């Protein structure tokens, strides 16, 4: 079974040109703990040269390319 960090790594590998990625709220704390980082003042962490943010409850792990202008 994949954990949230595995899902983030997979999303980055599948869309390497995307500058950002969103993680579901219910997995945000686990992701931050897994990468041993805390969010900065705007609520983002940098991981593998990507800006990672809390994507809200009930969302999927998505890259900026997958957001289709929803943000």
N, C-alpha and C. Protein backbone atom coordinates (compact mmCIF):
# COMPACT_ATOMS: atom_id res chain seq x y z
N UNK A 1 0.84 -1.19 0.00
CA UNK A 1 0.00 0.00 0.00
C UNK A 1 0.88 1.25 0.00
N UNK A 2 0.51 2.22 -0.82
CA UNK A 2 1.29 3.45 -0.93
C UNK A 2 0.87 4.44 0.15
N UNK A 3 1.87 5.13 0.72
CA UNK A 3 1.54 6.20 1.65
C UNK A 3 1.50 7.52 0.88
N UNK A 4 1.19 8.60 1.56
CA UNK A 4 1.01 9.89 0.88
C UNK A 4 2.30 10.37 0.23
N UNK A 5 3.44 10.11 0.86
CA UNK A 5 4.71 10.53 0.24
C UNK A 5 4.94 9.78 -1.07
N UNK A 6 4.61 8.49 -1.10
CA UNK A 6 4.72 7.72 -2.34
C UNK A 6 3.84 8.32 -3.43
N UNK A 7 2.62 8.72 -3.06
CA UNK A 7 1.70 9.31 -4.03
C UNK A 7 2.21 10.64 -4.56
N UNK A 8 2.80 11.44 -3.67
CA UNK A 8 3.38 12.71 -4.09
C UNK A 8 4.56 12.45 -5.03
N UNK A 9 5.43 11.51 -4.69
CA UNK A 9 6.57 11.18 -5.55
C UNK A 9 6.08 10.72 -6.93
N UNK A 10 5.05 9.90 -6.95
CA UNK A 10 4.49 9.41 -8.21
C UNK A 10 3.94 10.57 -9.05
N UNK A 11 3.20 11.47 -8.41
CA UNK A 11 2.64 12.63 -9.12
C UNK A 11 3.74 13.51 -9.69
N UNK A 12 4.81 13.71 -8.93
CA UNK A 12 5.93 14.52 -9.42
C UNK A 12 6.60 13.83 -10.60
N UNK A 13 6.80 12.52 -10.48
CA UNK A 13 7.44 11.77 -11.57
C UNK A 13 6.59 11.79 -12.84
N UNK A 14 5.27 11.76 -12.68
CA UNK A 14 4.37 11.76 -13.84
C UNK A 14 4.23 13.13 -14.49
N UNK A 15 4.46 14.19 -13.73
CA UNK A 15 4.31 15.56 -14.24
C UNK A 15 5.49 16.40 -13.77
N UNK A 16 6.71 16.08 -14.23
CA UNK A 16 7.91 16.74 -13.72
C UNK A 16 8.00 18.24 -14.01
N UNK A 17 7.27 18.74 -14.97
CA UNK A 17 7.34 20.16 -15.31
C UNK A 17 6.43 21.04 -14.46
N UNK A 18 5.51 20.44 -13.76
CA UNK A 18 4.60 21.21 -12.93
C UNK A 18 5.37 21.80 -11.74
N UNK A 19 5.16 23.09 -11.47
CA UNK A 19 5.89 23.72 -10.36
C UNK A 19 5.27 23.48 -8.98
N UNK A 20 4.02 22.96 -8.95
CA UNK A 20 3.36 22.83 -7.66
C UNK A 20 2.48 21.58 -7.60
N UNK A 21 2.06 21.28 -6.38
CA UNK A 21 1.27 20.08 -6.15
C UNK A 21 0.42 20.30 -4.91
N UNK A 22 -0.76 19.71 -4.89
CA UNK A 22 -1.65 19.80 -3.74
C UNK A 22 -1.87 18.42 -3.14
N UNK A 23 -1.89 18.39 -1.81
CA UNK A 23 -2.09 17.16 -1.05
C UNK A 23 -3.41 17.30 -0.27
N UNK A 24 -4.23 16.26 -0.22
CA UNK A 24 -5.49 16.34 0.53
C UNK A 24 -5.24 16.71 2.00
N UNK A 25 -6.11 17.52 2.56
CA UNK A 25 -5.97 17.98 3.95
C UNK A 25 -5.80 16.84 4.93
N UNK A 26 -6.55 15.76 4.71
CA UNK A 26 -6.50 14.65 5.66
C UNK A 26 -5.14 13.93 5.65
N UNK A 27 -4.30 14.22 4.65
CA UNK A 27 -2.97 13.61 4.57
C UNK A 27 -1.84 14.62 4.73
N UNK A 28 -2.20 15.89 4.89
CA UNK A 28 -1.20 16.96 4.93
C UNK A 28 -0.21 16.78 6.08
N UNK A 29 -0.69 16.57 7.28
CA UNK A 29 0.21 16.41 8.43
C UNK A 29 1.12 15.20 8.28
N UNK A 30 0.58 14.09 7.76
CA UNK A 30 1.39 12.89 7.53
C UNK A 30 2.47 13.15 6.48
N UNK A 31 2.12 13.89 5.44
CA UNK A 31 3.10 14.21 4.41
C UNK A 31 4.22 15.06 4.99
N UNK A 32 3.87 16.11 5.71
CA UNK A 32 4.88 16.99 6.31
C UNK A 32 5.78 16.21 7.26
N UNK A 33 5.21 15.32 8.04
CA UNK A 33 6.01 14.49 8.95
C UNK A 33 6.93 13.56 8.17
N UNK A 34 6.43 12.99 7.08
CA UNK A 34 7.22 12.05 6.28
C UNK A 34 8.45 12.72 5.66
N UNK A 35 8.31 14.00 5.29
CA UNK A 35 9.45 14.69 4.68
C UNK A 35 10.21 15.54 5.71
N UNK A 36 9.75 15.49 6.95
CA UNK A 36 10.39 16.21 8.07
C UNK A 36 10.51 17.70 7.81
N UNK A 37 9.38 18.28 7.38
CA UNK A 37 9.33 19.72 7.14
C UNK A 37 8.04 20.27 7.73
N UNK A 38 8.05 21.57 7.99
CA UNK A 38 6.85 22.26 8.43
C UNK A 38 6.52 23.33 7.39
N UNK A 39 5.24 23.63 7.23
CA UNK A 39 4.85 24.65 6.24
C UNK A 39 5.45 26.01 6.57
N UNK A 40 5.76 26.78 5.54
CA UNK A 40 6.26 28.15 5.73
C UNK A 40 5.09 29.09 6.04
N UNK A 41 5.34 30.37 6.04
CA UNK A 41 4.31 31.35 6.40
C UNK A 41 3.09 31.33 5.49
N UNK A 42 3.25 30.92 4.25
CA UNK A 42 2.10 30.87 3.35
C UNK A 42 1.49 29.46 3.27
N UNK A 43 1.96 28.56 4.13
CA UNK A 43 1.37 27.23 4.23
C UNK A 43 1.88 26.22 3.23
N UNK A 44 3.04 26.47 2.65
CA UNK A 44 3.60 25.55 1.66
C UNK A 44 4.91 24.95 2.16
N UNK A 45 5.24 23.80 1.63
CA UNK A 45 6.56 23.20 1.84
C UNK A 45 7.20 23.00 0.47
N UNK A 46 8.50 23.02 0.44
CA UNK A 46 9.23 22.74 -0.80
C UNK A 46 9.76 21.31 -0.68
N UNK A 47 9.44 20.52 -1.68
CA UNK A 47 9.86 19.12 -1.72
C UNK A 47 10.19 18.77 -3.16
N UNK A 48 11.38 18.26 -3.38
CA UNK A 48 11.85 17.91 -4.72
C UNK A 48 11.67 19.07 -5.70
N UNK A 49 12.01 20.26 -5.23
CA UNK A 49 11.94 21.50 -6.02
C UNK A 49 10.52 21.86 -6.46
N UNK A 50 9.53 21.39 -5.73
CA UNK A 50 8.12 21.71 -6.01
C UNK A 50 7.53 22.41 -4.78
N UNK A 51 6.59 23.30 -5.03
CA UNK A 51 5.82 23.91 -3.95
C UNK A 51 4.64 22.99 -3.68
N UNK A 52 4.55 22.49 -2.46
CA UNK A 52 3.48 21.57 -2.09
C UNK A 52 2.58 22.27 -1.08
N UNK A 53 1.26 22.18 -1.31
CA UNK A 53 0.29 22.84 -0.43
C UNK A 53 -0.83 21.89 -0.03
N UNK A 54 -1.53 22.30 1.01
CA UNK A 54 -2.73 21.59 1.46
C UNK A 54 -3.82 21.87 0.42
N UNK A 55 -4.36 20.81 -0.17
CA UNK A 55 -5.34 20.97 -1.25
C UNK A 55 -6.78 20.99 -0.81
N UNK A 56 -7.03 20.88 0.49
CA UNK A 56 -8.40 20.87 0.97
C UNK A 56 -8.88 19.45 1.21
N UNK A 57 -9.97 19.33 1.93
CA UNK A 57 -10.49 18.00 2.28
C UNK A 57 -11.10 17.28 1.08
N UNK A 58 -10.92 15.97 1.06
CA UNK A 58 -11.56 15.14 0.04
C UNK A 58 -11.02 15.29 -1.36
N UNK A 59 -9.83 15.87 -1.50
CA UNK A 59 -9.24 16.03 -2.83
C UNK A 59 -8.28 14.87 -3.11
N UNK A 60 -7.74 14.85 -4.30
CA UNK A 60 -6.70 13.90 -4.68
C UNK A 60 -5.36 14.62 -4.64
N UNK A 61 -4.28 13.85 -4.69
CA UNK A 61 -2.96 14.43 -4.89
C UNK A 61 -2.91 14.86 -6.35
N UNK A 62 -2.79 16.17 -6.60
CA UNK A 62 -2.79 16.69 -7.97
C UNK A 62 -1.65 17.69 -8.17
N UNK A 63 -1.16 17.72 -9.39
CA UNK A 63 -0.13 18.71 -9.74
C UNK A 63 -0.81 19.96 -10.29
N UNK A 64 -0.03 21.02 -10.40
CA UNK A 64 -0.55 22.26 -10.95
C UNK A 64 -1.13 22.08 -12.33
N UNK A 65 -0.55 21.18 -13.11
CA UNK A 65 -1.06 20.93 -14.46
C UNK A 65 -2.44 20.30 -14.44
N UNK A 66 -2.74 19.56 -13.35
CA UNK A 66 -4.04 18.88 -13.23
C UNK A 66 -5.14 19.79 -12.69
N UNK A 67 -4.79 20.96 -12.20
CA UNK A 67 -5.78 21.83 -11.56
C UNK A 67 -6.69 22.50 -12.58
N UNK A 68 -6.29 22.61 -13.81
CA UNK A 68 -7.13 23.16 -14.90
C UNK A 68 -7.78 24.48 -14.55
N UNK A 69 -7.03 25.36 -13.93
CA UNK A 69 -7.54 26.69 -13.62
C UNK A 69 -8.47 26.75 -12.43
N UNK A 70 -8.58 25.68 -11.65
CA UNK A 70 -9.46 25.69 -10.49
C UNK A 70 -8.88 26.46 -9.34
N UNK A 71 -7.62 26.83 -9.38
CA UNK A 71 -7.00 27.61 -8.31
C UNK A 71 -6.68 28.98 -8.80
